[in-house]
Amino acid sequence: MCSHQTSSRDSGAPHIVSAHPEQGWSLLCDGGILFDDTGELHPDGSVVPPHRAPAEPLAAVA
């Protein structure tokens, strides 16, 4: 898994080791997968659902 040294700026957060923006995901140094929709899949199989902001209603055009 991850062997990087954390700094005060890093605060221990895993960093991206392989980005695949054309497919919408990135591999993290701890083995997790980060998706472009803000969802995550952790190495232990746990899932973090996407953190989507509520959509504002569209204005109707008359």
Protein backbone atom coordinates (compact mmCIF):
# COMPACT_ATOMS: atom_id res chain seq x y z
CA MET A 1 0.00 0.00 0.00
CA CYS A 2 1.05 3.55 0.66
CA SER A 3 4.53 4.41 1.86
CA HIS A 4 4.53 8.19 1.38
CA GLN A 5 5.58 10.52 4.15
CA THR A 6 2.85 12.82 5.36
CA SER A 7 3.46 16.52 5.84
CA SER A 8 1.46 19.14 7.69
CA ARG A 9 -0.05 20.14 4.33
CA ASP A 10 -0.92 16.52 3.49
CA SER A 11 -2.50 15.73 6.89
CA GLY A 12 -2.30 12.01 6.14
CA ALA A 13 -4.79 12.06 3.28
CA PRO A 14 -4.09 9.53 0.53
CA HIS A 15 -2.87 11.01 -2.74
CA ILE A 16 -3.61 10.08 -6.36
CA VAL A 17 -1.13 7.63 -7.88
CA SER A 18 -2.95 6.95 -11.16
CA ALA A 19 -5.54 9.27 -12.71
CA HIS A 20 -8.02 8.17 -15.38
CA PRO A 21 -10.14 11.29 -16.06
CA GLU A 22 -11.38 9.86 -19.36
CA GLN A 23 -13.02 7.07 -17.34
CA GLY A 24 -14.01 9.22 -14.35
CA TRP A 25 -11.86 7.70 -11.58
CA SER A 26 -8.46 7.89 -9.87
CA LEU A 27 -6.51 5.30 -7.86
CA LEU A 28 -5.31 6.49 -4.46
CA CYS A 29 -2.06 5.44 -2.78
CA ASP A 30 -3.95 3.47 -0.11
CA GLY A 31 -5.72 1.35 -2.75
CA GLY A 32 -8.97 3.34 -2.67
CA ILE A 33 -10.73 4.63 -5.76
CA LEU A 34 -12.00 8.20 -6.03
CA PHE A 35 -14.73 8.87 -8.59
CA ASP A 36 -15.31 12.17 -10.39
CA ASP A 37 -18.83 12.37 -8.93
CA THR A 38 -17.14 12.60 -5.46
CA GLY A 39 -17.99 9.01 -4.50
CA GLU A 40 -15.30 6.72 -3.08
CA LEU A 41 -14.61 3.01 -2.85
CA HIS A 42 -12.28 2.14 0.04
CA PRO A 43 -9.86 -0.80 0.08
CA ASP A 44 -11.96 -2.56 2.75
CA GLY A 45 -14.98 -2.50 0.41
CA SER A 46 -16.82 0.31 2.17
CA VAL A 47 -18.44 2.94 -0.03
CA VAL A 48 -18.79 6.70 0.36
CA PRO A 49 -21.75 7.88 -1.73
CA PRO A 50 -21.37 10.97 -3.95
CA HIS A 51 -21.67 14.32 -2.15
CA ARG A 52 -23.94 16.03 -4.60
CA ALA A 53 -25.44 19.41 -3.82
CA PRO A 54 -29.20 19.59 -4.27
CA ALA A 55 -30.11 20.75 -7.75
CA GLU A 56 -31.88 24.06 -8.01
CA PRO A 57 -35.20 23.95 -9.84
CA LEU A 58 -35.01 25.01 -13.46
CA ALA A 59 -36.82 28.19 -14.37
CA ALA A 60 -39.75 27.65 -16.71
CA VAL A 61 -39.63 29.61 -19.93
CA ALA A 62 -43.02 30.92 -20.98
